Amino acid sequence: MGFLGKREPSFLSVVESRIDWKRFSGIQSKYLTEEHDEIGPLKYFDHNKYLRINKYLRINIDRAAELKLHEREPADILDIGCGFGYFLFIAKEMGHEVVGMDFMEGNHSDTASYSEMIDMFGVERKLHRIERFEPLSFTERKFDLITAFQIF
């Protein structure tokens, strides 16, 4: 039994059932025209690693569980460097209000794909470049939890 205890199997299958897999596949085939490597942004199309039920690779479900999001009262969560929004989607499904923040989009497909995935997951995203000693452009909002996974 994993972090979510007895709720785990049913919760994970509910999360999977709420994803529009046909739309996901369409976005994936639009951007993933060649084999991606394990370090580039297109690696996030590997939903088996970042989202799906998989004994070893449920990264974002495990992150949410480690933060005990399944036990908390609804919280406002900001995820810095949200990428495709997998973590935010999981947190939203656990009843939290979520906002993702990522860098400004460029003209290449790897960053353009982020918008389509975030939209598919139905989570809010702010585009903002973090600068030293500069406040965030949306600081009027208070957050109960701020996360930042796999950023550099």
N, C-alpha and C. Protein backbone atom coordinates (compact mmCIF):
# COMPACT_ATOMS: atom_id res chain seq x y z
N MET A 1 0.84 -1.17 0.00
CA MET A 1 0.00 0.00 0.00
C MET A 1 0.89 1.24 0.00
N GLY A 2 0.54 2.24 -0.80
CA GLY A 2 1.36 3.44 -0.93
C GLY A 2 0.94 4.54 0.03
N PHE A 3 1.36 5.75 -0.27
CA PHE A 3 1.13 6.90 0.60
C PHE A 3 -0.35 7.17 0.87
N LEU A 4 -1.21 6.91 -0.09
CA LEU A 4 -2.61 7.27 0.06
C LEU A 4 -3.41 6.22 0.83
N GLY A 5 -2.76 5.16 1.24
CA GLY A 5 -3.42 4.14 2.04
C GLY A 5 -4.52 3.44 1.28
N LYS A 6 -5.62 3.15 1.95
CA LYS A 6 -6.72 2.41 1.34
C LYS A 6 -7.37 3.17 0.20
N ARG A 7 -7.27 4.49 0.19
CA ARG A 7 -7.86 5.30 -0.88
C ARG A 7 -7.09 5.19 -2.18
N GLU A 8 -5.85 4.70 -2.13
CA GLU A 8 -4.96 4.78 -3.28
C GLU A 8 -5.52 4.19 -4.58
N PRO A 9 -5.90 2.93 -4.65
CA PRO A 9 -6.34 2.38 -5.94
C PRO A 9 -7.53 3.13 -6.52
N SER A 10 -8.54 3.43 -5.71
CA SER A 10 -9.71 4.11 -6.25
C SER A 10 -9.38 5.54 -6.64
N PHE A 11 -8.59 6.24 -5.85
CA PHE A 11 -8.24 7.63 -6.18
C PHE A 11 -7.45 7.69 -7.49
N LEU A 12 -6.49 6.81 -7.64
CA LEU A 12 -5.66 6.82 -8.85
C LEU A 12 -6.49 6.52 -10.09
N SER A 13 -7.41 5.59 -9.99
CA SER A 13 -8.23 5.29 -11.16
C SER A 13 -9.18 6.44 -11.48
N VAL A 14 -9.66 7.15 -10.46
CA VAL A 14 -10.50 8.32 -10.70
C VAL A 14 -9.69 9.40 -11.41
N VAL A 15 -8.47 9.63 -10.95
CA VAL A 15 -7.62 10.64 -11.59
C VAL A 15 -7.40 10.28 -13.05
N GLU A 16 -7.06 9.05 -13.32
CA GLU A 16 -6.85 8.63 -14.71
C GLU A 16 -8.10 8.79 -15.54
N SER A 17 -9.26 8.52 -14.96
CA SER A 17 -10.50 8.60 -15.73
C SER A 17 -10.88 10.03 -16.06
N ARG A 18 -10.36 11.00 -15.34
CA ARG A 18 -10.71 12.41 -15.58
C ARG A 18 -9.83 13.07 -16.63
N ILE A 19 -8.89 12.35 -17.17
CA ILE A 19 -8.03 12.89 -18.21
C ILE A 19 -8.63 12.56 -19.57
N ASP A 20 -8.69 13.54 -20.42
CA ASP A 20 -9.16 13.34 -21.79
C ASP A 20 -8.00 12.73 -22.59
N TRP A 21 -7.89 11.41 -22.56
CA TRP A 21 -6.74 10.74 -23.18
C TRP A 21 -6.71 10.92 -24.68
N LYS A 22 -7.86 11.10 -25.32
CA LYS A 22 -7.88 11.35 -26.77
C LYS A 22 -7.24 12.72 -27.06
N ARG A 23 -7.61 13.70 -26.27
CA ARG A 23 -7.02 15.04 -26.42
C ARG A 23 -5.53 15.00 -26.10
N PHE A 24 -5.17 14.28 -25.04
CA PHE A 24 -3.76 14.13 -24.68
C PHE A 24 -2.97 13.56 -25.85
N SER A 25 -3.48 12.50 -26.46
CA SER A 25 -2.79 11.87 -27.59
C SER A 25 -2.67 12.82 -28.77
N GLY A 26 -3.70 13.63 -28.99
CA GLY A 26 -3.64 14.61 -30.07
C GLY A 26 -2.55 15.64 -29.86
N ILE A 27 -2.45 16.15 -28.64
CA ILE A 27 -1.40 17.12 -28.31
C ILE A 27 -0.04 16.45 -28.42
N GLN A 28 0.06 15.24 -27.90
CA GLN A 28 1.32 14.50 -27.95
C GLN A 28 1.78 14.30 -29.39
N SER A 29 0.88 13.87 -30.28
CA SER A 29 1.31 13.63 -31.66
C SER A 29 1.61 14.92 -32.41
N LYS A 30 1.01 16.02 -31.97
CA LYS A 30 1.29 17.32 -32.59
C LYS A 30 2.73 17.78 -32.32
N TYR A 31 3.19 17.56 -31.10
CA TYR A 31 4.50 18.06 -30.69
C TYR A 31 5.60 17.01 -30.68
N LEU A 32 5.26 15.79 -30.42
CA LEU A 32 6.27 14.75 -30.26
C LEU A 32 6.45 14.04 -31.59
N THR A 33 7.19 14.69 -32.49
CA THR A 33 7.36 14.15 -33.83
C THR A 33 8.56 13.23 -33.95
N GLU A 34 9.42 13.24 -32.97
CA GLU A 34 10.55 12.33 -32.97
C GLU A 34 10.78 11.87 -31.53
N GLU A 35 11.58 10.86 -31.37
CA GLU A 35 11.85 10.32 -30.03
C GLU A 35 12.46 11.41 -29.15
N HIS A 36 11.89 11.62 -27.98
CA HIS A 36 12.41 12.63 -27.06
C HIS A 36 13.49 12.00 -26.19
N ASP A 37 14.34 12.85 -25.63
CA ASP A 37 15.34 12.33 -24.72
C ASP A 37 14.83 12.49 -23.29
N GLU A 38 15.55 11.99 -22.36
CA GLU A 38 15.11 12.02 -20.97
C GLU A 38 15.36 13.36 -20.28
N ILE A 39 15.99 14.33 -20.96
CA ILE A 39 16.29 15.58 -20.29
C ILE A 39 15.55 16.79 -20.86
N GLY A 40 15.03 16.71 -22.06
CA GLY A 40 14.35 17.85 -22.66
C GLY A 40 12.92 17.99 -22.17
N PRO A 41 12.30 19.15 -22.42
CA PRO A 41 10.94 19.40 -21.95
C PRO A 41 9.91 18.41 -22.48
N LEU A 42 10.13 17.85 -23.67
CA LEU A 42 9.14 16.94 -24.22
C LEU A 42 9.10 15.60 -23.48
N LYS A 43 10.02 15.40 -22.55
CA LYS A 43 9.98 14.18 -21.73
C LYS A 43 8.68 14.09 -20.94
N TYR A 44 8.01 15.21 -20.71
CA TYR A 44 6.79 15.22 -19.92
C TYR A 44 5.62 14.55 -20.63
N PHE A 45 5.75 14.27 -21.92
CA PHE A 45 4.71 13.50 -22.60
C PHE A 45 4.71 12.05 -22.14
N ASP A 46 5.72 11.65 -21.40
CA ASP A 46 5.77 10.29 -20.86
C ASP A 46 4.85 10.22 -19.64
N HIS A 47 3.55 10.17 -19.91
CA HIS A 47 2.55 10.19 -18.83
C HIS A 47 2.68 8.98 -17.92
N ASN A 48 3.22 7.89 -18.42
CA ASN A 48 3.42 6.72 -17.55
C ASN A 48 4.39 7.04 -16.41
N LYS A 49 5.33 7.92 -16.68
CA LYS A 49 6.30 8.28 -15.66
C LYS A 49 5.77 9.36 -14.72
N TYR A 50 5.07 10.33 -15.26
CA TYR A 50 4.70 11.50 -14.47
C TYR A 50 3.30 11.46 -13.87
N LEU A 51 2.47 10.52 -14.31
CA LEU A 51 1.10 10.57 -13.83
C LEU A 51 0.48 9.21 -13.59
N ARG A 52 0.55 8.33 -14.52
CA ARG A 52 -0.24 7.10 -14.48
C ARG A 52 0.13 6.18 -13.33
N ILE A 53 -0.76 5.26 -13.09
CA ILE A 53 -0.52 4.26 -12.06
C ILE A 53 0.64 3.40 -12.51
N ASN A 54 1.70 3.48 -11.79
CA ASN A 54 2.90 2.72 -12.11
C ASN A 54 3.66 2.59 -10.81
N LYS A 55 3.90 1.40 -10.40
CA LYS A 55 4.48 1.12 -9.09
C LYS A 55 5.73 1.94 -8.81
N TYR A 56 6.54 2.20 -9.81
CA TYR A 56 7.83 2.85 -9.57
C TYR A 56 7.89 4.31 -9.99
N LEU A 57 7.01 4.76 -10.87
CA LEU A 57 7.23 6.06 -11.49
C LEU A 57 6.08 7.06 -11.33
N ARG A 58 5.25 6.94 -10.33
CA ARG A 58 4.15 7.87 -10.14
C ARG A 58 4.64 9.13 -9.46
N ILE A 59 5.50 9.84 -10.10
CA ILE A 59 6.21 10.96 -9.49
C ILE A 59 5.27 11.99 -8.85
N ASN A 60 4.33 12.49 -9.59
CA ASN A 60 3.49 13.58 -9.08
C ASN A 60 2.45 13.13 -8.07
N ILE A 61 1.95 11.93 -8.21
CA ILE A 61 1.04 11.41 -7.20
C ILE A 61 1.80 11.21 -5.89
N ASP A 62 3.01 10.70 -5.98
CA ASP A 62 3.83 10.53 -4.77
C ASP A 62 4.19 11.88 -4.15
N ARG A 63 4.47 12.88 -4.98
CA ARG A 63 4.78 14.22 -4.44
C ARG A 63 3.60 14.75 -3.64
N ALA A 64 2.41 14.65 -4.22
CA ALA A 64 1.21 15.13 -3.53
C ALA A 64 1.00 14.37 -2.22
N ALA A 65 1.24 13.08 -2.27
CA ALA A 65 1.05 12.26 -1.06
C ALA A 65 2.09 12.60 0.00
N GLU A 66 3.33 12.82 -0.41
CA GLU A 66 4.38 13.18 0.55
C GLU A 66 4.06 14.50 1.24
N LEU A 67 3.41 15.39 0.53
CA LEU A 67 2.99 16.67 1.12
C LEU A 67 1.67 16.52 1.88
N LYS A 68 1.14 15.32 1.91
CA LYS A 68 -0.11 14.99 2.60
C LYS A 68 -1.29 15.83 2.10
N LEU A 69 -1.29 16.11 0.80
CA LEU A 69 -2.37 16.90 0.23
C LEU A 69 -3.71 16.18 0.33
N HIS A 70 -3.68 14.88 0.40
CA HIS A 70 -4.92 14.10 0.53
C HIS A 70 -5.51 14.18 1.94
N GLU A 71 -4.74 14.67 2.90
CA GLU A 71 -5.21 14.79 4.28
C GLU A 71 -5.52 16.23 4.68
N ARG A 72 -5.10 17.19 3.90
CA ARG A 72 -5.23 18.61 4.25
C ARG A 72 -6.60 19.17 3.89
N GLU A 73 -6.93 20.24 4.59
CA GLU A 73 -8.07 21.06 4.17
C GLU A 73 -7.68 21.69 2.83
N PRO A 74 -8.66 22.09 2.03
CA PRO A 74 -8.33 22.73 0.75
C PRO A 74 -7.38 23.91 0.95
N ALA A 75 -6.33 23.93 0.15
CA ALA A 75 -5.29 24.96 0.26
C ALA A 75 -5.09 25.63 -1.10
N ASP A 76 -4.55 26.85 -1.06
CA ASP A 76 -4.14 27.55 -2.28
C ASP A 76 -2.69 27.17 -2.53
N ILE A 77 -2.43 26.58 -3.69
CA ILE A 77 -1.10 26.06 -4.01
C ILE A 77 -0.55 26.75 -5.25
N LEU A 78 0.69 27.19 -5.16
CA LEU A 78 1.43 27.72 -6.31
C LEU A 78 2.55 26.75 -6.62
N ASP A 79 2.64 26.32 -7.86
CA ASP A 79 3.73 25.45 -8.30
C ASP A 79 4.59 26.23 -9.28
N ILE A 80 5.80 26.56 -8.86
CA ILE A 80 6.74 27.31 -9.69
C ILE A 80 7.43 26.33 -10.63
N GLY A 81 7.44 26.66 -11.91
CA GLY A 81 7.99 25.76 -12.91
C GLY A 81 7.06 24.59 -13.15
N CYS A 82 5.79 24.89 -13.38
CA CYS A 82 4.74 23.86 -13.40
C CYS A 82 4.78 22.94 -14.61
N GLY A 83 5.49 23.31 -15.67
CA GLY A 83 5.57 22.44 -16.84
C GLY A 83 4.20 22.12 -17.39
N PHE A 84 3.92 20.84 -17.60
CA PHE A 84 2.65 20.39 -18.16
C PHE A 84 1.50 20.50 -17.17
N GLY A 85 1.79 20.62 -15.88
CA GLY A 85 0.74 20.77 -14.89
C GLY A 85 0.26 19.49 -14.25
N TYR A 86 1.02 18.40 -14.38
CA TYR A 86 0.61 17.13 -13.77
C TYR A 86 0.39 17.26 -12.26
N PHE A 87 1.35 17.85 -11.57
CA PHE A 87 1.22 17.99 -10.11
C PHE A 87 -0.02 18.82 -9.76
N LEU A 88 -0.22 19.91 -10.49
CA LEU A 88 -1.37 20.77 -10.23
C LEU A 88 -2.68 20.03 -10.46
N PHE A 89 -2.73 19.22 -11.50
CA PHE A 89 -3.91 18.44 -11.79
C PHE A 89 -4.23 17.49 -10.63
N ILE A 90 -3.23 16.81 -10.13
CA ILE A 90 -3.41 15.89 -9.00
C ILE A 90 -3.92 16.67 -7.78
N ALA A 91 -3.27 17.81 -7.48
CA ALA A 91 -3.68 18.61 -6.32
C ALA A 91 -5.11 19.13 -6.48
N LYS A 92 -5.46 19.53 -7.68
CA LYS A 92 -6.83 20.00 -7.95
C LYS A 92 -7.82 18.87 -7.72
N GLU A 93 -7.48 17.67 -8.16
CA GLU A 93 -8.36 16.52 -7.96
C GLU A 93 -8.50 16.17 -6.48
N MET A 94 -7.54 16.59 -5.67
CA MET A 94 -7.62 16.38 -4.23
C MET A 94 -8.37 17.50 -3.53
N GLY A 95 -8.89 18.48 -4.31
CA GLY A 95 -9.74 19.52 -3.75
C GLY A 95 -9.06 20.85 -3.48
N HIS A 96 -7.84 21.04 -3.97
CA HIS A 96 -7.11 22.28 -3.71
C HIS A 96 -7.28 23.26 -4.86
N GLU A 97 -7.09 24.55 -4.53
CA GLU A 97 -7.06 25.61 -5.54
C GLU A 97 -5.61 25.72 -6.00
N VAL A 98 -5.39 25.68 -7.31
CA VAL A 98 -4.02 25.61 -7.80
C VAL A 98 -3.73 26.68 -8.85
N VAL A 99 -2.48 27.13 -8.84
CA VAL A 99 -1.97 28.04 -9.86
C VAL A 99 -0.57 27.57 -10.21
N GLY A 100 -0.30 27.49 -11.49
CA GLY A 100 1.04 27.17 -11.93
C GLY A 100 1.74 28.42 -12.43
N MET A 101 3.03 28.44 -12.29
CA MET A 101 3.82 29.55 -12.82
C MET A 101 4.94 28.95 -13.65
N ASP A 102 5.14 29.52 -14.82
CA ASP A 102 6.23 29.05 -15.67
C ASP A 102 6.80 30.24 -16.43
N PHE A 103 7.89 29.99 -17.12
CA PHE A 103 8.58 31.03 -17.86
C PHE A 103 7.75 31.48 -19.06
N MET A 104 8.14 32.57 -19.62
CA MET A 104 7.47 33.07 -20.81
C MET A 104 7.72 32.11 -21.96
N GLU A 105 6.71 31.91 -22.78
CA GLU A 105 6.83 30.95 -23.86
C GLU A 105 7.72 31.47 -24.98
N GLY A 106 8.46 30.54 -25.57
CA GLY A 106 9.28 30.85 -26.73
C GLY A 106 8.55 30.44 -28.00
N ASN A 107 9.28 30.44 -29.07
CA ASN A 107 8.69 30.10 -30.36
C ASN A 107 8.91 28.65 -30.75
N HIS A 108 9.28 27.81 -29.82
CA HIS A 108 9.53 26.42 -30.17
C HIS A 108 8.47 25.52 -29.55
N SER A 109 8.30 24.35 -30.12
CA SER A 109 7.18 23.48 -29.78
C SER A 109 7.21 22.99 -28.34
N ASP A 110 8.39 22.86 -27.75
CA ASP A 110 8.39 22.32 -26.39
C ASP A 110 7.69 23.25 -25.42
N THR A 111 7.86 24.57 -25.54
CA THR A 111 7.16 25.47 -24.63
C THR A 111 5.71 25.68 -25.07
N ALA A 112 5.44 25.66 -26.35
CA ALA A 112 4.06 25.81 -26.82
C ALA A 112 3.19 24.65 -26.34
N SER A 113 3.77 23.49 -26.24
CA SER A 113 3.01 22.32 -25.79
C SER A 113 2.52 22.48 -24.35
N TYR A 114 3.25 23.24 -23.54
CA TYR A 114 2.85 23.45 -22.15
C TYR A 114 1.45 24.08 -22.08
N SER A 115 1.19 25.08 -22.91
CA SER A 115 -0.11 25.77 -22.89
C SER A 115 -1.25 24.81 -23.17
N GLU A 116 -1.07 23.97 -24.14
CA GLU A 116 -2.14 23.04 -24.49
C GLU A 116 -2.38 22.01 -23.39
N MET A 117 -1.32 21.56 -22.76
CA MET A 117 -1.47 20.58 -21.69
C MET A 117 -2.13 21.22 -20.46
N ILE A 118 -1.68 22.41 -20.08
CA ILE A 118 -2.27 23.12 -18.94
C ILE A 118 -3.76 23.35 -19.18
N ASP A 119 -4.10 23.75 -20.41
CA ASP A 119 -5.49 23.97 -20.76
C ASP A 119 -6.29 22.67 -20.66
N MET A 120 -5.70 21.57 -21.15
CA MET A 120 -6.38 20.28 -21.08
C MET A 120 -6.66 19.88 -19.63
N PHE A 121 -5.71 20.15 -18.74
CA PHE A 121 -5.89 19.80 -17.33
C PHE A 121 -6.80 20.79 -16.59
N GLY A 122 -7.10 21.92 -17.21
CA GLY A 122 -8.01 22.88 -16.60
C GLY A 122 -7.44 23.58 -15.38
N VAL A 123 -6.14 23.86 -15.39
CA VAL A 123 -5.53 24.57 -14.27
C VAL A 123 -5.07 25.95 -14.73
N GLU A 124 -5.01 26.85 -13.79
CA GLU A 124 -4.59 28.23 -14.07
C GLU A 124 -3.07 28.29 -14.11
N ARG A 125 -2.55 29.07 -15.06
CA ARG A 125 -1.10 29.25 -15.15
C ARG A 125 -0.79 30.71 -15.39
N LYS A 126 0.23 31.18 -14.70
CA LYS A 126 0.74 32.54 -14.88
C LYS A 126 2.11 32.42 -15.55
N LEU A 127 2.33 33.24 -16.57
CA LEU A 127 3.63 33.28 -17.22
C LEU A 127 4.43 34.42 -16.59
N HIS A 128 5.58 34.08 -16.07
CA HIS A 128 6.36 35.07 -15.35
C HIS A 128 7.82 34.62 -15.30
N ARG A 129 8.69 35.51 -15.59
CA ARG A 129 10.11 35.22 -15.44
C ARG A 129 10.56 35.73 -14.08
N ILE A 130 11.15 34.86 -13.30
CA ILE A 130 11.61 35.24 -11.97
C ILE A 130 12.92 36.01 -12.10
N GLU A 131 12.95 37.18 -11.48
CA GLU A 131 14.15 38.01 -11.45
C GLU A 131 14.51 38.26 -9.99
N ARG A 132 15.79 38.32 -9.73
CA ARG A 132 16.24 38.58 -8.36
C ARG A 132 15.65 39.87 -7.82
N PHE A 133 15.14 39.80 -6.61
CA PHE A 133 14.61 40.95 -5.87
C PHE A 133 13.40 41.61 -6.53
N GLU A 134 12.78 40.94 -7.48
CA GLU A 134 11.57 41.47 -8.11
C GLU A 134 10.37 40.64 -7.64
N PRO A 135 9.29 41.31 -7.23
CA PRO A 135 8.11 40.56 -6.78
C PRO A 135 7.44 39.85 -7.96
N LEU A 136 6.68 38.84 -7.63
CA LEU A 136 5.89 38.15 -8.65
C LEU A 136 4.82 39.11 -9.15
N SER A 137 4.43 38.93 -10.40
CA SER A 137 3.46 39.84 -11.00
C SER A 137 2.04 39.62 -10.47
N PHE A 138 1.81 38.59 -9.70
CA PHE A 138 0.47 38.30 -9.18
C PHE A 138 0.52 38.09 -7.67
N THR A 139 1.29 38.93 -6.98
CA THR A 139 1.52 38.75 -5.54
C THR A 139 0.35 39.18 -4.66
N GLU A 140 -0.73 39.70 -5.26
CA GLU A 140 -1.88 40.05 -4.44
C GLU A 140 -2.54 38.80 -3.87
N ARG A 141 -2.25 37.67 -4.43
CA ARG A 141 -2.82 36.41 -3.95
C ARG A 141 -1.88 35.77 -2.94
N LYS A 142 -2.45 35.22 -1.89
CA LYS A 142 -1.67 34.51 -0.87
C LYS A 142 -1.78 33.01 -1.13
N PHE A 143 -0.69 32.30 -0.88
CA PHE A 143 -0.67 30.85 -1.08
C PHE A 143 -0.33 30.16 0.23
N ASP A 144 -0.99 29.02 0.45
CA ASP A 144 -0.71 28.22 1.63
C ASP A 144 0.50 27.33 1.43
N LEU A 145 0.77 26.98 0.18
CA LEU A 145 1.87 26.08 -0.15
C LEU A 145 2.45 26.50 -1.49
N ILE A 146 3.77 26.61 -1.52
CA ILE A 146 4.48 26.91 -2.77
C ILE A 146 5.45 25.77 -3.02
N THR A 147 5.36 25.19 -4.22
CA THR A 147 6.24 24.08 -4.59
C THR A 147 7.06 24.48 -5.80
N ALA A 148 8.17 23.78 -5.98
CA ALA A 148 9.04 23.97 -7.15
C ALA A 148 9.81 22.67 -7.35
N PHE A 149 9.36 21.85 -8.28
CA PHE A 149 10.00 20.57 -8.55
C PHE A 149 10.78 20.64 -9.84
N GLN A 150 11.93 20.02 -9.88
CA GLN A 150 12.73 19.87 -11.09
C GLN A 150 12.96 21.19 -11.83
N ILE A 151 13.31 22.21 -11.09
CA ILE A 151 13.63 23.48 -11.75
C ILE A 151 15.13 23.71 -11.58
N PHE A 152 15.66 24.58 -12.40
CA PHE A 152 17.08 24.89 -12.26
C PHE A 152 17.32 26.36 -12.37
